[in-house]
C-alpha cells in the first residue's frame, strides 16, 4: 500500500524544516534578549572582582527589598578625585553592616546603574551562573532539534527520483 500524499504536497519536508528553523531563531532571539543584562554586567563584574575600576565611595540614600531577604541599596557614587559622579545607582554585594548615610568604598567599572564593592567576586560568579542557566535550554534545544532536522533534509525521498533503467 502506498503512502497517501500529504495535503501540502512534496514541499512538506522543507516546510517543516522552515518552521523548525524559524522556531529555533525565535528561541535564540528570546534567549539573547533575556541574557542582555547578564552579558552587559559580566565584564564590569569581572573587573570589580579583580579590583579594577574607578575607586570611590557609595553614599546610600535608600533601600528596597526584593523577595524575603534581598535588600537592594540605592545611592550616589563619588570617585576619590571627585571626577566621576553617579546618582541613583545600586550597590552590588553590599556589606552586611550597611546603614543609611554611612558611605562605603566602591568601584565604578562601567556597568549601567551599578557600582561594586571592591574585590567581591560574588557578582561575577552570579552573572556567570545566570548566563549558564540561560544557555542550557538553548544548547538542549539545539541538540534536540538540529540533528533530526539535518537528517530529515538529507534523507532522499523514494518518490522523488525516477527508477534506474
N, C-alpha and C. Protein backbone atom coordinates (compact mmCIF):
# COMPACT_ATOMS: atom_id res chain seq x y z
N UNK A 1 0.84 -1.18 0.00
CA UNK A 1 0.00 0.00 0.00
C UNK A 1 0.89 1.24 0.00
N UNK A 2 0.56 2.18 -0.84
CA UNK A 2 1.37 3.40 -0.94
C UNK A 2 0.89 4.41 0.08
N UNK A 3 1.82 5.22 0.44
CA UNK A 3 1.52 6.27 1.40
C UNK A 3 0.74 7.38 0.72
N UNK A 4 -0.33 7.89 1.36
CA UNK A 4 -1.08 8.98 0.72
C UNK A 4 -0.26 10.26 0.70
N UNK A 5 -0.47 11.04 -0.33
CA UNK A 5 0.22 12.32 -0.48
C UNK A 5 -0.32 13.31 0.55
N UNK A 6 0.53 13.97 1.33
CA UNK A 6 0.04 14.95 2.30
C UNK A 6 -0.58 16.14 1.59
N UNK A 7 -1.47 16.85 2.27
CA UNK A 7 -2.15 17.97 1.62
C UNK A 7 -1.21 19.09 1.19
N UNK A 8 -0.06 19.20 1.80
CA UNK A 8 0.86 20.27 1.43
C UNK A 8 1.80 19.84 0.31
N UNK A 9 1.67 18.65 -0.18
CA UNK A 9 2.44 18.19 -1.33
C UNK A 9 3.85 17.76 -0.94
N UNK A 10 4.73 17.77 -1.91
CA UNK A 10 6.09 17.29 -1.70
C UNK A 10 6.96 18.30 -0.98
N UNK A 11 6.47 19.49 -0.78
CA UNK A 11 7.26 20.51 -0.09
C UNK A 11 7.12 20.41 1.42
N UNK A 12 6.44 19.41 1.92
CA UNK A 12 6.23 19.26 3.37
C UNK A 12 7.52 19.16 4.15
N UNK A 13 8.52 18.49 3.56
CA UNK A 13 9.80 18.35 4.25
C UNK A 13 10.43 19.72 4.45
N UNK A 14 10.40 20.56 3.42
CA UNK A 14 11.00 21.88 3.50
C UNK A 14 10.17 22.82 4.35
N UNK A 15 8.86 22.65 4.32
CA UNK A 15 8.00 23.49 5.16
C UNK A 15 8.26 23.18 6.64
N UNK A 16 8.38 21.89 6.96
CA UNK A 16 8.69 21.51 8.34
C UNK A 16 10.05 22.03 8.77
N UNK A 17 11.02 21.96 7.87
CA UNK A 17 12.35 22.47 8.17
C UNK A 17 12.31 23.99 8.38
N UNK A 18 11.53 24.67 7.54
CA UNK A 18 11.41 26.12 7.67
C UNK A 18 10.79 26.50 9.01
N UNK A 19 9.72 25.80 9.40
CA UNK A 19 9.07 26.08 10.68
C UNK A 19 10.03 25.82 11.83
N UNK A 20 10.80 24.74 11.74
CA UNK A 20 11.77 24.43 12.79
C UNK A 20 12.85 25.49 12.90
N UNK A 21 13.33 25.95 11.76
CA UNK A 21 14.38 26.98 11.77
C UNK A 21 13.83 28.30 12.31
N UNK A 22 12.62 28.66 11.92
CA UNK A 22 12.01 29.90 12.43
C UNK A 22 11.80 29.79 13.94
N UNK A 23 11.32 28.64 14.40
CA UNK A 23 11.12 28.44 15.84
C UNK A 23 12.45 28.53 16.59
N UNK A 24 13.48 27.90 16.06
CA UNK A 24 14.80 27.96 16.68
C UNK A 24 15.33 29.39 16.71
N UNK A 25 15.13 30.14 15.63
CA UNK A 25 15.57 31.55 15.60
C UNK A 25 14.80 32.38 16.62
N UNK A 26 13.52 32.09 16.79
CA UNK A 26 12.72 32.81 17.79
C UNK A 26 13.22 32.51 19.19
N UNK A 27 13.52 31.26 19.48
CA UNK A 27 14.02 30.90 20.81
C UNK A 27 15.38 31.54 21.05
N UNK A 28 16.24 31.54 20.05
CA UNK A 28 17.56 32.17 20.18
C UNK A 28 17.40 33.66 20.45
N UNK A 29 16.50 34.31 19.75
CA UNK A 29 16.26 35.75 19.96
C UNK A 29 15.78 36.04 21.37
N UNK A 30 14.86 35.23 21.85
CA UNK A 30 14.35 35.43 23.22
C UNK A 30 15.45 35.19 24.25
N UNK A 31 16.30 34.21 24.03
CA UNK A 31 17.39 33.94 24.96
C UNK A 31 18.39 35.10 24.98
N UNK A 32 18.66 35.68 23.81
CA UNK A 32 19.58 36.82 23.75
C UNK A 32 18.99 38.02 24.47
N UNK A 33 17.70 38.26 24.27
CA UNK A 33 17.05 39.36 24.97
C UNK A 33 17.05 39.14 26.48
N UNK A 34 16.81 37.91 26.90
CA UNK A 34 16.77 37.61 28.33
C UNK A 34 18.15 37.74 28.97
N UNK A 35 19.18 37.43 28.22
CA UNK A 35 20.52 37.46 28.79
C UNK A 35 21.23 38.79 28.56
N UNK A 36 20.53 39.79 28.07
CA UNK A 36 21.15 41.08 27.76
C UNK A 36 21.78 41.72 28.99
N UNK A 37 21.06 41.76 30.09
CA UNK A 37 21.59 42.38 31.31
C UNK A 37 22.76 41.59 31.87
N UNK A 38 22.65 40.27 31.81
CA UNK A 38 23.73 39.42 32.31
C UNK A 38 24.99 39.64 31.48
N UNK A 39 24.85 39.68 30.18
CA UNK A 39 26.01 39.89 29.32
C UNK A 39 26.60 41.28 29.52
N UNK A 40 25.73 42.27 29.75
CA UNK A 40 26.22 43.64 29.94
C UNK A 40 26.99 43.78 31.24
N UNK A 41 26.65 42.99 32.26
CA UNK A 41 27.31 43.12 33.56
C UNK A 41 28.44 42.13 33.76
N UNK A 42 28.65 41.21 32.84
CA UNK A 42 29.68 40.20 33.02
C UNK A 42 31.08 40.82 33.06
N UNK A 43 31.38 41.69 32.11
CA UNK A 43 32.70 42.34 32.10
C UNK A 43 32.94 43.25 33.28
N UNK A 44 32.00 44.17 33.59
CA UNK A 44 32.20 45.03 34.74
C UNK A 44 32.30 44.27 36.07
N UNK A 45 31.54 43.18 36.22
CA UNK A 45 31.64 42.42 37.48
C UNK A 45 32.98 41.69 37.56
N UNK A 46 33.53 41.28 36.41
CA UNK A 46 34.86 40.67 36.40
C UNK A 46 35.92 41.69 36.81
N UNK A 47 35.80 42.91 36.27
CA UNK A 47 36.76 43.96 36.64
C UNK A 47 36.65 44.29 38.13
N UNK A 48 35.44 44.29 38.67
CA UNK A 48 35.27 44.57 40.10
C UNK A 48 35.87 43.46 40.95
N UNK A 49 35.74 42.21 40.50
CA UNK A 49 36.33 41.08 41.25
C UNK A 49 37.84 41.18 41.28
N UNK A 50 38.43 41.78 40.24
CA UNK A 50 39.88 41.96 40.18
C UNK A 50 40.33 43.29 40.77
N UNK A 51 39.41 44.08 41.26
CA UNK A 51 39.76 45.36 41.88
C UNK A 51 40.06 46.46 40.89
N UNK A 52 39.64 46.31 39.64
CA UNK A 52 39.88 47.32 38.62
C UNK A 52 38.69 48.27 38.56
N UNK A 53 38.91 49.48 38.13
CA UNK A 53 37.84 50.46 38.00
C UNK A 53 38.18 51.74 38.74
N UNK A 54 37.25 52.66 38.73
CA UNK A 54 37.43 53.95 39.40
C UNK A 54 37.02 53.80 40.86
N UNK A 55 37.97 54.02 41.75
CA UNK A 55 37.71 53.89 43.19
C UNK A 55 36.98 55.12 43.70
N UNK A 56 36.09 54.89 44.64
CA UNK A 56 35.35 55.99 45.24
C UNK A 56 34.51 55.50 46.40
N UNK A 57 33.50 56.28 46.74
CA UNK A 57 32.61 55.90 47.84
C UNK A 57 31.16 55.88 47.35
N UNK A 58 30.42 54.98 47.93
CA UNK A 58 28.98 54.86 47.68
C UNK A 58 28.27 55.39 48.91
N UNK A 59 27.44 56.41 48.70
CA UNK A 59 26.68 57.01 49.81
C UNK A 59 25.23 56.53 49.69
N UNK A 60 24.80 55.60 50.56
CA UNK A 60 23.44 55.06 50.45
C UNK A 60 22.39 56.11 50.79
N UNK A 61 21.38 56.20 49.92
CA UNK A 61 20.29 57.15 50.15
C UNK A 61 18.96 56.44 50.37
N UNK A 62 18.89 55.18 50.04
CA UNK A 62 17.64 54.45 50.22
C UNK A 62 17.83 52.97 49.97
N UNK A 63 16.82 52.23 50.31
CA UNK A 63 16.86 50.79 50.13
C UNK A 63 15.46 50.27 49.83
N UNK A 64 15.40 49.16 49.16
CA UNK A 64 14.13 48.47 48.97
C UNK A 64 14.39 46.98 48.96
N UNK A 65 13.36 46.22 49.26
CA UNK A 65 13.52 44.77 49.36
C UNK A 65 12.93 44.08 48.15
N UNK A 66 13.62 43.04 47.72
CA UNK A 66 13.16 42.17 46.66
C UNK A 66 13.08 40.78 47.26
N UNK A 67 11.89 40.23 47.34
CA UNK A 67 11.74 38.93 47.97
C UNK A 67 11.75 39.07 49.48
N UNK A 68 12.16 38.00 50.14
CA UNK A 68 12.13 37.99 51.61
C UNK A 68 13.37 38.58 52.25
N UNK A 69 14.54 38.27 51.69
CA UNK A 69 15.77 38.67 52.37
C UNK A 69 16.69 39.56 51.54
N UNK A 70 16.40 39.75 50.27
CA UNK A 70 17.29 40.52 49.42
C UNK A 70 16.99 42.00 49.56
N UNK A 71 18.01 42.75 49.94
CA UNK A 71 17.87 44.19 50.11
C UNK A 71 18.76 44.89 49.09
N UNK A 72 18.16 45.75 48.29
CA UNK A 72 18.88 46.49 47.26
C UNK A 72 19.14 47.90 47.79
N UNK A 73 20.40 48.30 47.75
CA UNK A 73 20.79 49.63 48.21
C UNK A 73 20.94 50.56 47.02
N UNK A 74 20.28 51.70 47.08
CA UNK A 74 20.40 52.76 46.08
C UNK A 74 21.16 53.92 46.71
N UNK A 75 21.89 54.65 45.89
CA UNK A 75 22.62 55.79 46.43
C UNK A 75 23.42 56.49 45.35
N UNK A 76 24.39 57.27 45.80
CA UNK A 76 25.21 58.08 44.91
C UNK A 76 26.66 57.63 45.01
N UNK A 77 27.34 57.61 43.85
CA UNK A 77 28.75 57.25 43.80
C UNK A 77 29.57 58.48 43.49
N UNK A 78 30.63 58.69 44.27
CA UNK A 78 31.56 59.80 44.05
C UNK A 78 32.96 59.21 44.04
N UNK A 79 33.71 59.47 42.97
CA UNK A 79 35.08 58.95 42.90
C UNK A 79 35.97 59.68 43.89
N UNK A 80 37.11 59.08 44.19
CA UNK A 80 38.02 59.67 45.18
C UNK A 80 38.53 61.04 44.75
N UNK A 81 38.73 61.22 43.43
CA UNK A 81 39.20 62.53 42.95
C UNK A 81 38.05 63.44 42.54
N UNK A 82 36.82 63.03 42.80
CA UNK A 82 35.58 63.77 42.54
C UNK A 82 35.35 64.06 41.04
N UNK A 83 36.00 63.28 40.17
CA UNK A 83 35.80 63.50 38.73
C UNK A 83 34.63 62.68 38.19
N UNK A 84 34.24 61.63 38.89
CA UNK A 84 33.14 60.78 38.45
C UNK A 84 32.03 60.83 39.49
N UNK A 85 30.84 61.22 39.03
CA UNK A 85 29.66 61.25 39.89
C UNK A 85 28.54 60.45 39.23
N UNK A 86 27.94 59.55 39.98
CA UNK A 86 26.78 58.80 39.50
C UNK A 86 25.71 58.90 40.57
N UNK A 87 24.52 59.31 40.16
CA UNK A 87 23.42 59.44 41.10
C UNK A 87 22.42 58.32 40.87
N UNK A 88 21.81 57.87 41.94
CA UNK A 88 20.76 56.84 41.90
C UNK A 88 21.26 55.55 41.26
N UNK A 89 22.37 55.03 41.78
CA UNK A 89 22.91 53.75 41.32
C UNK A 89 22.72 52.70 42.42
N UNK A 90 22.84 51.44 42.04
CA UNK A 90 22.72 50.34 43.00
C UNK A 90 24.11 49.88 43.40
N UNK A 91 24.22 49.41 44.63
CA UNK A 91 25.46 48.80 45.11
C UNK A 91 25.29 47.30 45.07
N UNK A 92 26.12 46.64 44.29
CA UNK A 92 26.04 45.18 44.18
C UNK A 92 26.89 44.55 45.27
N UNK A 93 26.35 43.54 45.94
CA UNK A 93 27.02 42.81 47.01
C UNK A 93 27.37 43.73 48.18
N UNK A 94 26.35 44.40 48.69
CA UNK A 94 26.54 45.33 49.80
C UNK A 94 26.99 44.58 51.05
N UNK A 95 27.84 45.22 51.87
CA UNK A 95 28.27 44.58 53.12
C UNK A 95 27.09 44.42 54.08
N UNK A 96 27.16 43.42 54.97
CA UNK A 96 26.03 43.17 55.87
C UNK A 96 25.79 44.27 56.89
N UNK A 97 26.82 45.05 57.22
CA UNK A 97 26.65 46.12 58.21
C UNK A 97 26.31 47.46 57.56
N UNK A 98 25.77 47.44 56.37
CA UNK A 98 25.41 48.66 55.62
C UNK A 98 24.29 49.42 56.34
N UNK A 99 24.43 50.72 56.43
CA UNK A 99 23.43 51.58 57.06
C UNK A 99 23.22 52.82 56.20
N UNK A 100 22.04 53.40 56.28
CA UNK A 100 21.74 54.63 55.56
C UNK A 100 22.65 55.76 56.05
N UNK A 101 23.20 56.51 55.10
CA UNK A 101 24.03 57.65 55.43
C UNK A 101 25.48 57.32 55.71
N UNK A 102 25.85 56.04 55.82
CA UNK A 102 27.24 55.67 56.09
C UNK A 102 27.91 55.23 54.79
N UNK A 103 28.86 56.03 54.25
CA UNK A 103 29.50 55.70 52.99
C UNK A 103 30.36 54.44 53.09
N UNK A 104 30.42 53.72 51.98
CA UNK A 104 31.25 52.51 51.90
C UNK A 104 32.12 52.62 50.65
N UNK A 105 33.30 52.00 50.64
CA UNK A 105 34.14 52.01 49.45
C UNK A 105 33.45 51.25 48.30
N UNK A 106 33.63 51.77 47.09
CA UNK A 106 33.00 51.15 45.92
C UNK A 106 33.86 51.37 44.69
N UNK A 107 33.58 50.58 43.65
CA UNK A 107 34.27 50.69 42.37
C UNK A 107 33.26 50.93 41.27
N UNK A 108 33.56 51.88 40.39
CA UNK A 108 32.77 52.08 39.18
C UNK A 108 33.54 51.41 38.05
N UNK A 109 32.98 50.34 37.52
CA UNK A 109 33.66 49.57 36.47
C UNK A 109 33.01 49.73 35.11
N UNK A 110 32.06 50.64 34.99
CA UNK A 110 31.42 50.88 33.70
C UNK A 110 30.06 50.22 33.54
N UNK A 111 29.57 49.55 34.55
CA UNK A 111 28.25 48.93 34.45
C UNK A 111 27.17 50.01 34.48
N UNK A 112 26.07 49.74 33.81
CA UNK A 112 24.97 50.70 33.73
C UNK A 112 24.17 50.70 35.04
N UNK A 113 24.29 51.75 35.83
CA UNK A 113 23.48 51.89 37.04
C UNK A 113 23.90 51.04 38.21
N UNK A 114 25.12 50.47 38.18
CA UNK A 114 25.58 49.60 39.26
C UNK A 114 27.03 49.93 39.59
N UNK A 115 27.33 49.99 40.88
CA UNK A 115 28.71 50.04 41.35
C UNK A 115 28.94 48.83 42.24
N UNK A 116 30.20 48.46 42.42
CA UNK A 116 30.53 47.22 43.10
C UNK A 116 31.40 47.46 44.32
N UNK A 117 31.32 46.54 45.27
CA UNK A 117 32.22 46.53 46.41
C UNK A 117 33.56 46.01 45.90
N UNK A 118 34.68 46.65 46.25
CA UNK A 118 35.98 46.21 45.73
C UNK A 118 36.31 44.77 46.14
N UNK A 119 36.81 43.99 45.18
CA UNK A 119 37.29 42.64 45.46
C UNK A 119 36.23 41.58 45.65
N UNK A 120 34.97 41.91 45.51
CA UNK A 120 33.91 40.91 45.69
C UNK A 120 33.72 40.13 44.40
N UNK A 121 33.91 38.81 44.46
CA UNK A 121 33.74 38.01 43.25
C UNK A 121 32.33 37.43 43.14
N UNK A 122 31.50 37.63 44.14
CA UNK A 122 30.13 37.10 44.13
C UNK A 122 29.31 37.61 42.93
N UNK A 123 29.33 38.90 42.58
CA UNK A 123 28.56 39.34 41.42
C UNK A 123 28.99 38.68 40.12
N UNK A 124 30.31 38.47 39.94
CA UNK A 124 30.78 37.83 38.71
C UNK A 124 30.32 36.38 38.64
N UNK A 125 30.44 35.66 39.74
CA UNK A 125 30.02 34.26 39.77
C UNK A 125 28.52 34.16 39.53
N UNK A 126 27.74 35.06 40.12
CA UNK A 126 26.29 35.06 39.92
C UNK A 126 25.95 35.32 38.45
N UNK A 127 26.59 36.30 37.84
CA UNK A 127 26.34 36.58 36.42
C UNK A 127 26.75 35.40 35.54
N UNK A 128 27.85 34.75 35.87
CA UNK A 128 28.29 33.60 35.10
C UNK A 128 27.31 32.44 35.23
N UNK A 129 26.81 32.20 36.43
CA UNK A 129 25.82 31.13 36.63
C UNK A 129 24.50 31.44 35.91
N UNK A 130 24.08 32.69 35.94
CA UNK A 130 22.85 33.08 35.22
C UNK A 130 23.02 32.89 33.72
N UNK A 131 24.18 33.25 33.20
CA UNK A 131 24.44 33.06 31.78
C UNK A 131 24.44 31.57 31.42
N UNK A 132 25.01 30.75 32.28
CA UNK A 132 24.99 29.31 32.06
C UNK A 132 23.58 28.74 32.09
N UNK A 133 22.77 29.22 33.04
CA UNK A 133 21.38 28.75 33.13
C UNK A 133 20.57 29.19 31.91
N UNK A 134 20.84 30.38 31.40
CA UNK A 134 20.13 30.84 30.21
C UNK A 134 20.60 30.10 28.96
N UNK A 135 21.83 29.62 28.96
CA UNK A 135 22.36 28.92 27.80
C UNK A 135 21.92 27.47 27.72
N UNK A 136 21.63 26.85 28.87
CA UNK A 136 21.28 25.42 28.88
C UNK A 136 20.07 25.10 28.00
N UNK A 137 18.95 25.81 28.11
CA UNK A 137 17.83 25.48 27.22
C UNK A 137 18.17 25.65 25.75
N UNK A 138 18.98 26.62 25.43
CA UNK A 138 19.37 26.84 24.04
C UNK A 138 20.22 25.68 23.53
N UNK A 139 21.16 25.22 24.32
CA UNK A 139 22.00 24.10 23.91
C UNK A 139 21.16 22.83 23.79
N UNK A 140 20.29 22.60 24.76
CA UNK A 140 19.42 21.42 24.69
C UNK A 140 18.52 21.46 23.47
N UNK A 141 17.97 22.61 23.19
CA UNK A 141 17.11 22.75 22.02
C UNK A 141 17.90 22.48 20.75
N UNK A 142 19.12 22.97 20.69
CA UNK A 142 19.96 22.70 19.53
C UNK A 142 20.29 21.23 19.39
N UNK A 143 20.54 20.55 20.51
CA UNK A 143 20.85 19.13 20.45
C UNK A 143 19.63 18.28 20.10
N UNK A 144 18.46 18.76 20.45
CA UNK A 144 17.24 18.00 20.17
C UNK A 144 16.70 18.28 18.78
N UNK A 145 16.75 19.54 18.34
CA UNK A 145 16.09 19.93 17.09
C UNK A 145 17.01 19.80 15.87
N UNK A 146 18.25 20.20 15.98
CA UNK A 146 19.10 20.30 14.80
C UNK A 146 19.46 18.94 14.19
N UNK A 147 19.91 17.93 14.94
CA UNK A 147 20.26 16.66 14.27
C UNK A 147 19.09 16.02 13.51
N UNK A 148 17.88 15.90 14.08
CA UNK A 148 16.80 15.34 13.27
C UNK A 148 16.47 16.21 12.05
N UNK A 149 16.60 17.50 12.20
CA UNK A 149 16.34 18.40 11.08
C UNK A 149 17.33 18.15 9.95
N UNK A 150 18.60 17.99 10.29
CA UNK A 150 19.61 17.72 9.28
C UNK A 150 19.40 16.35 8.64
N UNK A 151 19.07 15.35 9.45
CA UNK A 151 18.79 14.02 8.89
C UNK A 151 17.60 14.06 7.94
N UNK A 152 16.59 14.80 8.34
CA UNK A 152 15.38 14.88 7.53
C UNK A 152 15.65 15.57 6.20
N UNK A 153 16.48 16.59 6.22
CA UNK A 153 16.76 17.32 4.99
C UNK A 153 17.67 16.52 4.05
N UNK A 154 18.53 15.67 4.59
CA UNK A 154 19.46 14.89 3.77
C UNK A 154 18.83 13.60 3.23
N UNK A 155 17.80 13.13 3.87
CA UNK A 155 17.20 11.84 3.50
C UNK A 155 16.52 11.96 2.14
N UNK A 156 16.93 11.13 1.19
CA UNK A 156 16.27 11.19 -0.12
C UNK A 156 14.88 10.54 -0.04
N UNK A 157 13.97 11.09 -0.79
CA UNK A 157 12.63 10.51 -0.87
C UNK A 157 12.60 9.54 -2.04
N UNK A 158 11.97 8.41 -1.84
CA UNK A 158 11.95 7.40 -2.91
C UNK A 158 11.07 7.83 -4.06
N UNK A 159 10.03 8.60 -3.81
CA UNK A 159 9.13 9.01 -4.88
C UNK A 159 9.66 10.18 -5.69
N UNK A 160 10.73 10.82 -5.27
CA UNK A 160 11.25 11.99 -5.97
C UNK A 160 12.16 11.62 -7.15
N UNK A 161 12.71 10.43 -7.15
CA UNK A 161 13.70 10.06 -8.18
C UNK A 161 13.08 9.02 -9.13
N UNK A 162 13.45 9.14 -10.37
CA UNK A 162 12.97 8.10 -11.29
C UNK A 162 13.70 6.79 -11.03
N UNK A 163 13.04 5.71 -11.32
CA UNK A 163 13.65 4.39 -11.12
C UNK A 163 14.80 4.20 -12.09
N UNK A 164 15.87 3.53 -11.67
CA UNK A 164 17.00 3.31 -12.58
C UNK A 164 16.58 2.41 -13.74
N UNK A 165 17.12 2.70 -14.90
CA UNK A 165 16.75 1.94 -16.10
C UNK A 165 17.55 0.69 -16.29
